[in-house]
Protein backbone atom coordinates (compact mmCIF):
# COMPACT_ATOMS: atom_id res chain seq x y z
CA MET A 1 1.29 -11.52 3.24
CA PHE A 2 -2.79 -10.26 2.29
CA LYS A 3 -3.02 -9.76 5.91
CA HIS A 4 0.13 -6.64 5.27
CA PHE A 5 -1.54 -5.44 2.29
CA ILE A 6 -5.00 -4.91 4.22
CA THR A 7 -3.26 -3.20 6.94
CA LEU A 8 -1.69 -1.04 4.07
CA GLN A 9 -5.12 -0.48 2.58
CA TRP A 10 -6.47 0.05 6.46
CA LYS A 11 -3.36 2.66 7.24
CA SER A 12 -3.86 4.67 3.67
CA PHE A 13 -7.83 4.94 4.83
CA TRP A 14 -7.22 6.43 8.19
CA ARG A 15 -4.23 8.45 7.31
CA SER A 16 -6.07 10.09 4.11
CA ALA A 17 -6.23 14.04 3.91
CA SER A 18 -10.32 13.30 3.25
CA LEU A 19 -11.08 10.82 6.08
CA SER A 20 -14.00 12.62 7.09
CA SER A 21 -15.20 12.33 3.20
CA ASN A 22 -14.26 8.68 3.51
CA ILE A 23 -16.12 7.90 6.23
CA TRP A 24 -19.26 10.04 5.13
CA ILE A 25 -18.67 7.67 1.82
CA LYS A 26 -18.58 4.71 3.54
CA LEU A 27 -22.03 5.30 5.77
CA PHE A 28 -24.30 6.82 2.80
CA MET A 29 -22.72 3.92 0.80
CA GLY A 30 -24.04 1.46 3.10
CA PHE A 31 -27.55 3.23 3.51
CA TRP A 32 -28.44 2.96 -0.21
CA ALA A 33 -26.60 -0.95 0.21
CA LEU A 34 -28.15 -2.12 3.03
CA LEU A 35 -32.01 -0.59 1.26
CA LEU A 36 -30.84 -2.46 -2.15
CA ILE A 37 -30.24 -5.43 -0.32
CA ILE A 38 -33.53 -5.37 1.69
CA MET A 39 -35.45 -4.45 -1.89
CA VAL A 40 -33.80 -6.81 -4.34
CA SER A 41 -34.17 -9.74 -1.26
CA PHE A 42 -38.00 -9.06 -1.14
CA GLY A 43 -38.43 -9.17 -4.68
CA GLY A 44 -36.54 -12.50 -4.82
CA MET A 45 -39.08 -13.61 -2.09
CA VAL A 46 -41.96 -12.32 -3.87
CA ALA A 47 -41.36 -12.96 -7.52
CA PHE A 48 -41.54 -16.11 -7.26
CA TYR A 49 -45.70 -16.54 -6.07
CA LEU A 50 -46.50 -13.21 -8.18
CA ILE A 51 -45.06 -14.85 -11.47
CA LYS A 52 -47.24 -18.02 -10.71
CA ASN A 53 -50.11 -16.63 -9.31
CA LYS A 54 -50.62 -13.51 -11.18
CA LEU A 55 -48.88 -14.22 -14.91
CA CYS A 56 -49.85 -17.96 -14.49
CA GLN A 57 -46.49 -18.83 -15.45
CA ASP A 58 -43.18 -21.19 -14.68
CA PRO A 59 -41.16 -19.00 -12.50
CA LEU A 60 -38.10 -20.43 -13.30
CA ASP A 61 -38.64 -20.28 -17.03
CA PHE A 62 -39.90 -16.85 -16.87
CA ILE A 63 -36.65 -15.45 -15.14
CA ASN A 64 -34.35 -17.73 -17.63
CA THR A 65 -36.49 -15.99 -20.27
CA PHE A 66 -34.58 -12.10 -19.31
CA LEU A 67 -31.76 -13.62 -17.90
CA ILE A 68 -29.53 -12.66 -20.98
CA TYR A 69 -30.53 -9.30 -20.50
CA TRP A 70 -29.90 -9.34 -17.26
CA VAL A 71 -26.17 -10.79 -17.62
CA ILE A 72 -25.63 -7.93 -20.66
CA PHE A 73 -26.94 -5.43 -18.49
CA ASP A 74 -25.01 -6.59 -15.21
CA LEU A 75 -21.62 -6.12 -17.59
CA VAL A 76 -22.58 -2.83 -18.43
CA PHE A 77 -23.41 -1.80 -14.94
CA LYS A 78 -19.94 -2.66 -13.59
CA TYR A 79 -18.09 -1.45 -16.63
CA ALA A 80 -19.76 2.03 -15.13
CA LEU A 81 -19.27 1.74 -11.94
CA GLN A 82 -17.33 -0.77 -10.80
CA LYS A 83 -13.82 0.02 -9.45
CA MET A 84 -10.86 -1.58 -11.04
CA PRO A 85 -9.19 -3.63 -8.28
CA VAL A 86 -6.17 -1.57 -8.04
CA VAL A 87 -4.16 -1.24 -4.73
CA ASN A 88 -0.98 1.63 -4.44
CA ILE A 89 1.03 -0.29 -6.51
CA LYS A 90 4.01 1.27 -7.43
CA PRO A 91 5.87 1.59 -3.91
CA LEU A 92 4.71 -2.10 -3.70
CA LEU A 93 6.88 -2.87 -6.82
CA ILE A 94 10.01 -1.75 -5.23
CA LEU A 95 9.66 -4.02 -2.20
CA PRO A 96 10.27 -7.68 -1.86
CA PHE A 97 6.81 -8.58 -2.98
CA LYS A 98 6.21 -11.10 -5.84
CA LYS A 99 3.72 -9.64 -8.36
CA ASN A 100 1.91 -12.89 -8.61
CA LYS A 101 0.84 -11.94 -4.52
CA ILE A 102 -0.01 -8.56 -5.51
CA VAL A 103 -2.40 -9.12 -8.32
CA SER A 104 -3.85 -12.11 -6.08
CA PHE A 105 -4.65 -9.55 -3.58
CA ALA A 106 -6.18 -6.76 -6.14
CA PHE A 107 -8.62 -9.67 -7.69
CA GLY A 108 -9.55 -10.82 -4.27
CA LYS A 109 -10.89 -7.80 -3.15
CA THR A 110 -12.73 -7.81 -6.29
CA VAL A 111 -14.52 -11.19 -5.02
CA PHE A 112 -16.43 -9.37 -2.17
CA SER A 113 -17.33 -6.61 -4.20
CA PHE A 114 -20.72 -5.48 -3.74
CA PHE A 115 -21.13 -5.61 -7.59
CA ASN A 116 -20.69 -9.51 -7.26
CA ILE A 117 -22.77 -9.94 -3.77
CA PHE A 118 -26.16 -8.56 -4.24
CA HIS A 119 -27.37 -10.79 -6.98
CA ALA A 120 -27.31 -13.24 -4.48
CA PHE A 121 -29.78 -11.51 -2.43
CA PHE A 122 -32.54 -11.82 -5.14
CA PHE A 123 -31.37 -15.03 -6.21
CA ILE A 124 -31.10 -16.91 -2.50
CA PRO A 125 -34.76 -16.16 -1.73
CA PHE A 126 -36.10 -17.03 -5.08
CA SER A 127 -34.58 -20.47 -4.89
CA VAL A 128 -35.49 -21.09 -1.26
CA ALA A 129 -39.04 -20.23 -2.94
CA LEU A 130 -38.78 -22.55 -5.70
CA ILE A 131 -37.29 -25.53 -3.35
CA SER A 132 -40.59 -24.73 -0.86
CA ASN A 133 -42.64 -25.80 -4.02
CA ASP A 134 -40.72 -29.13 -4.82
CA TYR A 135 -38.15 -28.08 -7.01
CA PRO A 136 -35.31 -30.62 -6.78
CA VAL A 137 -32.78 -29.00 -4.52
CA SER A 138 -29.90 -30.84 -6.80
CA ASN A 139 -31.15 -28.98 -9.67
CA VAL A 140 -31.55 -25.78 -7.72
CA LEU A 141 -28.38 -25.53 -6.62
CA TYR A 142 -26.69 -26.56 -10.21
CA TRP A 143 -28.36 -23.40 -11.39
CA ASN A 144 -27.40 -21.00 -8.36
CA LEU A 145 -23.73 -22.50 -9.31
CA GLY A 146 -23.90 -21.51 -13.01
CA LEU A 147 -25.46 -18.15 -12.00
CA MET A 148 -22.54 -17.69 -9.79
CA ALA A 149 -20.19 -18.50 -12.58
CA ILE A 150 -21.32 -15.96 -15.16
CA VAL A 151 -21.55 -13.03 -12.44
CA TYR A 152 -18.27 -13.40 -11.84
CA SER A 153 -17.47 -14.27 -15.56
CA ASN A 154 -18.69 -10.61 -16.01
CA ASN A 155 -16.55 -9.29 -12.88
CA PHE A 156 -13.03 -10.59 -14.72
CA LEU A 157 -14.49 -9.52 -18.24
CA ASN A 158 -14.81 -6.46 -17.04
CA ILE A 159 -11.16 -5.63 -16.09
CA LEU A 160 -10.34 -7.54 -19.76
CA VAL A 161 -12.62 -4.59 -21.65
CA ASN A 162 -11.17 -1.98 -19.02
CA ASN A 163 -10.44 1.24 -21.01
CA ARG A 164 -12.25 -0.27 -24.12
CA ASP A 165 -15.03 2.46 -24.14
CA ASN A 166 -15.89 0.98 -27.66
CA LEU A 167 -16.30 -2.75 -27.25
CA VAL A 168 -18.49 -1.78 -23.86
CA TYR A 169 -20.75 0.64 -26.01
CA ILE A 170 -21.10 -1.41 -28.77
CA ILE A 171 -22.42 -4.20 -26.31
CA ALA A 172 -24.69 -1.52 -24.85
CA GLY A 173 -26.02 -0.68 -28.05
CA ILE A 174 -26.72 -4.58 -29.49
CA MET A 175 -28.61 -4.81 -25.93
CA ALA A 176 -30.84 -2.04 -26.60
CA ILE A 177 -31.16 -2.87 -30.21
CA LEU A 178 -32.48 -6.88 -29.42
CA GLY A 179 -34.51 -4.72 -26.11
CA GLY A 180 -36.18 -2.80 -29.06
CA LEU A 181 -36.77 -5.93 -31.54
CA HIS A 182 -38.26 -7.93 -28.58
CA TYR A 183 -40.74 -4.83 -27.33
CA PHE A 184 -41.83 -4.71 -30.95
CA GLU A 185 -42.10 -8.49 -31.75
CA TYR A 186 -39.71 -8.49 -34.48
CA PHE A 187 -37.02 -10.73 -33.10
CA ASN A 188 -37.41 -12.64 -29.95
CA ILE A 189 -33.67 -13.17 -28.56
CA THR A 190 -34.54 -14.85 -25.49
CA GLU A 191 -35.63 -17.89 -27.96
CA TYR A 192 -32.47 -19.09 -28.48
CA THR A 193 -30.93 -18.48 -24.95
CA ALA A 194 -33.76 -19.20 -22.55
CA PRO A 195 -33.29 -22.86 -23.44
CA PHE A 196 -29.35 -22.77 -22.27
CA PHE A 197 -30.06 -21.07 -18.66
CA ARG A 198 -32.95 -23.68 -18.53
CA ASN A 199 -30.14 -26.60 -19.48
CA ILE A 200 -28.07 -25.34 -16.89
CA TYR A 201 -31.18 -26.59 -14.20
CA ASP A 202 -31.61 -29.82 -15.98
CA ASN A 203 -28.14 -31.27 -16.77
CA VAL A 204 -24.87 -30.48 -14.48
CA LEU A 205 -22.56 -31.05 -17.80
CA ILE A 206 -23.72 -27.70 -19.20
CA VAL A 207 -22.70 -25.87 -15.31
CA LEU A 208 -19.45 -26.93 -16.84
CA PHE A 209 -19.48 -24.63 -19.62
CA PRO A 210 -19.77 -21.24 -17.51
CA ILE A 211 -17.23 -22.52 -14.54
CA ILE A 212 -14.97 -22.98 -17.75
CA LEU A 213 -15.25 -19.48 -19.04
CA LEU A 214 -14.30 -18.10 -15.61
CA ILE A 215 -11.53 -20.00 -15.18
CA LEU A 216 -10.68 -18.57 -18.63
CA PHE A 217 -11.42 -14.93 -17.72
CA ILE A 218 -9.69 -15.11 -14.41
CA TYR A 219 -6.16 -16.83 -16.28
CA LEU A 220 -6.38 -14.09 -18.94
CA SER A 221 -7.04 -11.28 -16.26
CA PHE A 222 -3.93 -12.40 -14.32
CA THR A 223 -2.20 -12.86 -16.70
CA LEU A 224 -3.04 -9.61 -18.46
CA PHE A 225 -2.37 -7.59 -15.13
CA ALA A 226 1.08 -9.05 -14.39
CA LYS A 227 2.29 -8.56 -17.52
CA ASP A 228 1.87 -4.88 -17.17
CA LEU A 229 3.06 -4.60 -13.78
CA PHE A 230 6.45 -2.89 -14.51
CA LEU A 231 7.01 0.92 -13.50
CA ASP A 232 8.87 1.61 -17.04
CA ALA A 233 6.00 -0.44 -18.89
CA GLY A 234 2.25 -1.19 -17.89
CA LEU A 235 2.01 1.23 -15.06
CA ALA A 236 4.45 4.23 -16.89
CA VAL A 237 2.24 7.34 -17.78
CA LYS A 238 1.98 7.11 -21.93
CA SER A 239 2.46 10.51 -24.11
CA LYS A 240 1.38 11.06 -27.33
CA ASP A 241 1.93 14.19 -29.73
CA VAL A 242 -1.15 16.58 -29.67
CA LYS A 243 -2.32 19.50 -31.63
CA THR A 244 -1.92 22.76 -30.15
CA GLU A 245 -5.17 24.89 -30.71
CA ASP A 246 -5.78 28.55 -30.38
CA LEU A 247 -9.39 28.44 -29.92
CA LEU A 248 -9.78 32.66 -30.55
CA TRP A 249 -13.34 32.66 -30.41
CA LEU A 250 -13.16 32.29 -26.77
CA ASP A 251 -11.54 35.37 -26.58
CA ARG A 252 -14.28 37.56 -26.38
CA PHE A 253 -14.64 36.38 -22.47
CA GLY A 254 -11.57 38.21 -21.61
CA LYS A 255 -9.55 36.90 -18.78
CA THR A 256 -12.11 34.09 -18.19
CA ALA A 257 -11.29 32.48 -22.32
CA ILE A 258 -7.76 31.11 -20.38
CA PHE A 259 -9.31 28.83 -18.52
CA LEU A 260 -12.42 28.05 -20.63
CA LYS A 261 -10.01 27.29 -23.36
CA ASN A 262 -7.75 25.05 -20.71
CA ASP A 263 -11.31 23.37 -19.83
CA ILE A 264 -12.24 22.57 -23.66
CA LYS A 265 -8.92 21.09 -24.22
CA LEU A 266 -8.92 19.13 -21.00
CA ILE A 267 -12.16 17.46 -22.17
CA LYS A 268 -11.05 17.01 -25.99
CA ARG A 269 -7.83 15.41 -24.58
CA ASN A 270 -8.32 13.30 -21.60
CA LYS A 271 -9.98 10.39 -21.52
CA ARG A 272 -11.70 10.63 -17.56
CA ALA A 273 -13.23 13.91 -19.22
CA ARG A 274 -14.48 12.74 -22.44
CA SER A 275 -16.26 9.76 -20.85
CA THR A 276 -17.84 12.36 -18.42
CA VAL A 277 -19.39 14.45 -21.33
CA LEU A 278 -20.40 11.17 -22.91
CA VAL A 279 -22.16 10.54 -19.35
CA SER A 280 -23.99 14.04 -19.97
CA ILE A 281 -25.10 13.16 -23.23
CA MET A 282 -26.91 10.25 -22.28
CA PHE A 283 -28.66 12.47 -19.45
CA LEU A 284 -30.61 13.67 -22.96
CA PHE A 285 -32.39 10.44 -23.20
CA TYR A 286 -33.33 10.21 -19.65
CA GLY A 287 -36.45 12.12 -20.23
CA LEU A 288 -38.18 9.20 -22.24
CA LEU A 289 -38.18 7.74 -18.71
CA PHE A 290 -40.75 10.32 -18.12
CA PHE A 291 -42.36 11.71 -21.23
CA THR A 292 -43.33 8.62 -23.07
CA GLY A 293 -45.52 7.31 -20.26
CA SER A 294 -43.53 3.79 -19.97
CA ILE A 295 -43.12 3.94 -16.49
CA GLU A 296 -46.50 4.64 -14.53
CA THR A 297 -45.05 5.96 -11.64
CA TYR A 298 -43.00 9.07 -13.45
CA GLU A 299 -46.56 10.10 -14.88
CA GLY A 300 -46.98 12.26 -11.70
CA PRO A 301 -46.67 16.44 -12.66
CA VAL A 302 -43.46 17.24 -10.33
CA TRP A 303 -41.48 14.39 -12.30
CA ARG A 304 -41.93 16.41 -15.23
CA ILE A 305 -39.80 19.20 -13.49
CA PHE A 306 -37.24 16.74 -12.63
CA ALA A 307 -36.60 15.30 -15.85
CA GLY A 308 -36.26 18.91 -17.26
CA ILE A 309 -33.34 19.63 -14.96
CA PHE A 310 -31.63 16.42 -15.28
CA VAL A 311 -32.39 16.51 -19.43
CA SER A 312 -30.83 19.89 -19.62
CA GLY A 313 -28.34 19.95 -16.91
CA GLY A 314 -26.58 16.70 -17.61
CA PHE A 315 -23.02 18.56 -18.11
CA LEU A 316 -23.60 20.59 -15.32
CA LEU A 317 -24.49 17.57 -12.97
CA SER A 318 -21.78 15.05 -14.14
CA PHE A 319 -18.43 17.46 -15.32
CA GLY A 320 -19.79 20.42 -12.72
CA GLN A 321 -19.89 18.00 -9.90
CA PHE A 322 -16.33 17.78 -9.93
CA VAL A 323 -14.96 21.44 -10.18
CA PRO A 324 -12.05 21.87 -8.82
CA SER A 325 -10.93 18.33 -9.10
CA TRP A 326 -10.60 18.47 -12.62
CA ASP A 327 -7.69 20.72 -12.01
CA SER A 328 -6.41 18.57 -9.21
CA SER A 329 -2.68 18.03 -10.81
CA TYR A 330 -1.54 21.78 -11.26
CA TYR A 331 -4.16 23.37 -8.61
CA PRO A 332 -0.95 24.23 -6.19
CA LEU A 333 1.01 26.16 -9.07
CA MET A 334 -2.17 27.63 -10.21
CA MET A 335 -2.93 28.95 -6.81
CA SER A 336 0.59 30.48 -6.69
CA GLN A 337 -0.18 32.38 -9.72
CA ASN A 338 -1.67 35.98 -9.85
CA ILE A 339 -4.92 34.50 -10.69
CA LYS A 340 -8.26 35.71 -9.17
CA TYR A 341 -10.91 33.21 -8.05
CA LYS A 342 -13.40 35.00 -9.66
CA GLU A 343 -12.05 34.48 -13.05
CA TYR A 344 -11.57 31.09 -12.26
CA LEU A 345 -15.07 30.90 -11.32
CA SER A 346 -16.85 32.68 -14.01
CA SER A 347 -15.13 30.21 -16.59
CA LYS A 348 -16.31 27.18 -15.40
CA TRP A 349 -19.93 28.68 -15.03
CA TRP A 350 -19.53 29.66 -18.74
CA LEU A 351 -18.50 26.15 -19.59
CA MET A 352 -22.03 24.80 -17.52
CA VAL A 353 -23.99 27.73 -19.02
CA ILE A 354 -23.34 27.11 -22.89
CA ALA A 355 -23.30 23.06 -22.00
CA THR A 356 -26.79 23.88 -20.44
CA LEU A 357 -27.65 25.85 -23.47
CA LEU A 358 -26.75 23.26 -26.39
CA SER A 359 -28.52 20.64 -24.05
CA THR A 360 -31.52 22.64 -24.41
CA ILE A 361 -31.39 23.05 -28.10
CA LEU A 362 -30.83 19.50 -28.51
CA CYS A 363 -33.79 18.66 -26.26
CA SER A 364 -36.20 20.48 -29.17
CA ALA A 365 -37.08 16.82 -29.98
CA TYR A 366 -39.10 16.53 -26.91
CA LEU A 367 -41.80 18.85 -28.38
CA TYR A 368 -42.90 15.86 -30.72
CA PHE A 369 -44.60 15.10 -26.78
CA GLY A 370 -45.85 18.45 -26.79
CA TRP A 371 -45.39 21.98 -25.86
CA GLU A 372 -46.06 21.20 -21.78
CA VAL A 373 -43.06 18.81 -22.16
CA TYR A 374 -40.71 21.02 -23.73
CA LEU A 375 -41.69 23.76 -21.35
CA ALA A 376 -40.26 21.52 -18.77
CA ILE A 377 -37.30 21.31 -20.33
CA LEU A 378 -36.98 25.57 -20.59
CA ALA A 379 -37.73 25.92 -16.77
CA GLY A 380 -35.25 23.09 -15.96
CA ALA A 381 -32.53 24.79 -17.91
CA VAL A 382 -33.51 28.34 -16.92
CA TYR A 383 -33.11 26.97 -12.76
CA ASN A 384 -29.80 25.23 -13.85
CA ILE A 385 -28.27 28.48 -15.51
CA GLY A 386 -29.83 30.28 -12.45
CA VAL A 387 -29.29 28.42 -9.01
CA ASN A 388 -27.83 24.74 -10.01
CA SER A 389 -24.57 26.14 -11.53
CA HIS A 390 -23.85 28.32 -8.65
CA VAL A 391 -24.49 25.54 -6.13
CA VAL A 392 -22.75 23.49 -8.12
CA LEU A 393 -19.35 25.91 -8.04
CA TRP A 394 -20.25 26.15 -3.94
CA ALA A 395 -20.24 22.38 -3.25
CA GLY A 396 -17.12 22.20 -5.30
CA ALA A 397 -15.39 24.35 -2.26
CA TYR A 398 -15.65 20.97 -0.09
CA ILE A 399 -14.44 18.51 -2.70
CA LYS A 400 -10.77 17.86 -2.02
CA THR A 401 -10.64 14.43 -4.23
CA PRO A 402 -8.03 14.95 -6.72
CA ILE A 403 -8.14 13.43 -10.41
CA ASP A 404 -5.61 11.42 -12.15
CA LEU A 405 -6.32 12.88 -15.59
CA THR A 406 -3.14 10.19 -16.63
CA SER A 407 -5.52 7.75 -15.58
CA ASN A 408 -8.32 5.78 -17.26
CA LYS A 409 -11.09 5.58 -14.55
CA LYS A 410 -14.62 5.59 -14.55
CA ALA A 411 -16.97 8.38 -15.87
CA PHE A 412 -18.44 8.54 -12.07
CA GLY A 413 -14.75 8.41 -10.66
CA ASP A 414 -13.99 5.91 -7.67
CA LYS A 415 -16.38 7.53 -5.43
CA GLN A 416 -18.83 10.45 -5.21
CA ALA A 417 -16.59 13.31 -3.25
CA PHE A 418 -18.73 14.35 -1.02
CA ASN A 419 -19.28 15.30 2.84
CA THR A 420 -22.32 16.55 4.83
CA LYS A 421 -21.99 20.07 3.57
CA THR A 422 -22.18 18.91 -0.25
CA LEU A 423 -25.21 16.65 0.81
CA LEU A 424 -27.08 19.66 1.99
CA LEU A 425 -26.30 21.54 -1.04
CA THR A 426 -28.02 18.60 -2.92
CA LEU A 427 -31.30 19.90 -1.56
CA PRO A 428 -31.80 23.32 -3.78
CA LYS A 429 -30.06 21.35 -6.88
CA MET A 430 -32.87 18.64 -6.92
CA VAL A 431 -35.74 19.10 -4.20
CA LEU A 432 -36.12 23.17 -4.47
CA PRO A 433 -37.52 22.95 -7.67
CA LEU A 434 -39.50 20.42 -7.18
CA ILE A 435 -41.54 22.10 -4.14
CA LEU A 436 -41.63 25.32 -6.29
CA TYR A 437 -43.09 23.62 -9.00
CA ALA A 438 -45.66 21.54 -6.90
CA ILE A 439 -46.51 24.86 -5.13
CA GLY A 440 -47.63 26.03 -8.20
CA HIS A 441 -49.13 23.50 -10.04
CA TYR A 442 -51.40 22.26 -7.22
CA SER A 443 -52.58 26.35 -6.22
CA LEU A 444 -52.90 28.21 -9.38
CA GLY A 445 -51.90 24.85 -12.42
CA PRO A 446 -48.95 23.81 -14.45
CA ASN A 447 -48.04 26.81 -15.83
CA ALA A 448 -47.74 28.96 -12.34
CA GLY A 449 -45.61 25.49 -11.59
CA TYR A 450 -43.47 26.47 -14.12
CA ALA A 451 -43.21 29.97 -13.65
CA LEU A 452 -41.96 29.54 -9.71
CA VAL A 453 -38.87 27.45 -11.23
CA VAL A 454 -38.22 30.13 -13.55
CA LEU A 455 -38.47 33.02 -11.50
CA ALA A 456 -36.28 31.21 -9.04
CA GLY A 457 -34.02 30.84 -12.03
CA ILE A 458 -33.87 34.36 -13.09
CA ALA A 459 -33.23 35.53 -9.35
CA GLY A 460 -30.33 33.73 -9.04
CA PHE A 461 -29.16 34.88 -12.48
CA ALA A 462 -30.06 38.78 -10.86
CA PHE A 463 -27.68 37.98 -8.03
CA LYS A 464 -24.72 36.41 -9.64
CA ASP A 465 -22.26 38.95 -8.65
CA LYS A 466 -23.37 38.51 -5.01
CA VAL A 467 -23.55 35.03 -4.86
CA PHE A 468 -20.32 34.56 -6.80
CA ASP A 469 -18.58 36.93 -3.78
CA ILE A 470 -20.09 34.17 -1.28
CA ILE A 471 -18.28 31.57 -3.16
CA GLU A 472 -15.12 33.32 -3.82
CA LYS A 473 -14.87 33.93 0.22
CA ILE A 474 -15.75 29.87 0.81
CA TYR A 475 -12.88 28.94 -1.94
CA ARG A 476 -10.62 31.39 -0.01
CA GLU A 477 -11.42 29.69 3.22
CA GLU A 478 -11.03 26.31 1.90
CA LYS A 479 -7.62 27.13 0.02
CA TYR A 480 -5.00 25.42 1.71
CA LYS A 481 -7.12 22.68 3.10
CA THR A 482 -7.76 21.68 -0.91
CA ILE A 483 -4.07 22.48 -1.99
CA ALA A 484 -2.96 19.81 1.18
CA ALA A 485 -5.66 17.15 -0.24
CA TYR A 486 -4.73 17.45 -3.69
CA LYS A 487 -0.87 17.01 -2.99
CA GLN A 488 -1.88 13.51 -1.02
CA LYS A 489 -1.10 10.37 -3.12
CA LYS A 490 -3.33 8.46 -2.96
């Protein structure tokens, strides 16, 4: 049975309209996964000796101290990025397949998820170092077994709390508060959690606790999925009453206002869009990594303009990257109407510009760190409006991954839809402003670097009509390929 399911998934991949994108996605993600595995494995090998020789502490106790933060971060990270165990379920329900088999196959896929197995690439080399330094083999195995049970408990807990954003935000908030209290030495949660992880190493009976917890989460998640596996219940599209809104204040934008109103209603009414907006709000705090001096690597001058791009352009980079996929459910109908591409693209452009301006105003709090910091944000905002807004729309012409607004998928989507063209278009978004700033900074000074970035943004704004003509032509060339891709059932 499982072999049959795997065959269906394999055919679905190779018969997909976005096959070329899927292949590039797999190769690109495989490269970064391999790079991460190498880095994590190296970290596991050297962590033991760094802690022992540099910090003069017991490596096992040191790792156990911070495992509570690792557990909570792992849960939040999985919730944000890990795909739910979903196969193309609806067609299978009308075939003679048992529901338990379908759910078992879906859950079985998560067992080999990269989000679960990559932890082993740190803990196995670290455990080898423990054993080679006369730590008992049996105790190290107990410890690894307990950690493995915790990792997979997070996996199935993630399934249980799926679509419960408030709960995960509360968990993330608690983690941030506990971390802050620990950092400022008001309250140290690790004094209470570290002994538990140490007991997993010392006592085999304590290992049973995370194992029992894992079994409980597997049972609950399996029961929940099997219970909702009905076409007329759990998989049915849920409808609810909505209030009509006129948004008359947008009428000043002319015909573009029609699309602007649709986008604002989309954001307010659809969880997927709202989640993406929340991600863009989180980008506002991204500058704290660069402007506070908390991370030595980010203290270089070029990193400031990098932070300025992200802080002011969070909405542009998160919401804008899925244009026109947000409209994929009715894109074929829209293309059959007397609609000018330029009006459609202008509405998206104005939405990103308004969001960038609002982000820049909110970022005025960074004045606390000095005028030079806020200058980097202002320069990044001008570049985002003049250049990146156009590049995002340009890249959108090659993105052919539909978004199902009736499903509650992650803010980052099931996958980042890109291909070689969209990868090349990321260069002017992120690399070009860094190069411009570096040229000005190292030749004439910081102000000259900001000036070059701003001039690039102004030039992009000045040639907006010409650029829009080019983008509109590309959208027309890709029109029927996009429609075909959006019509295909995934």
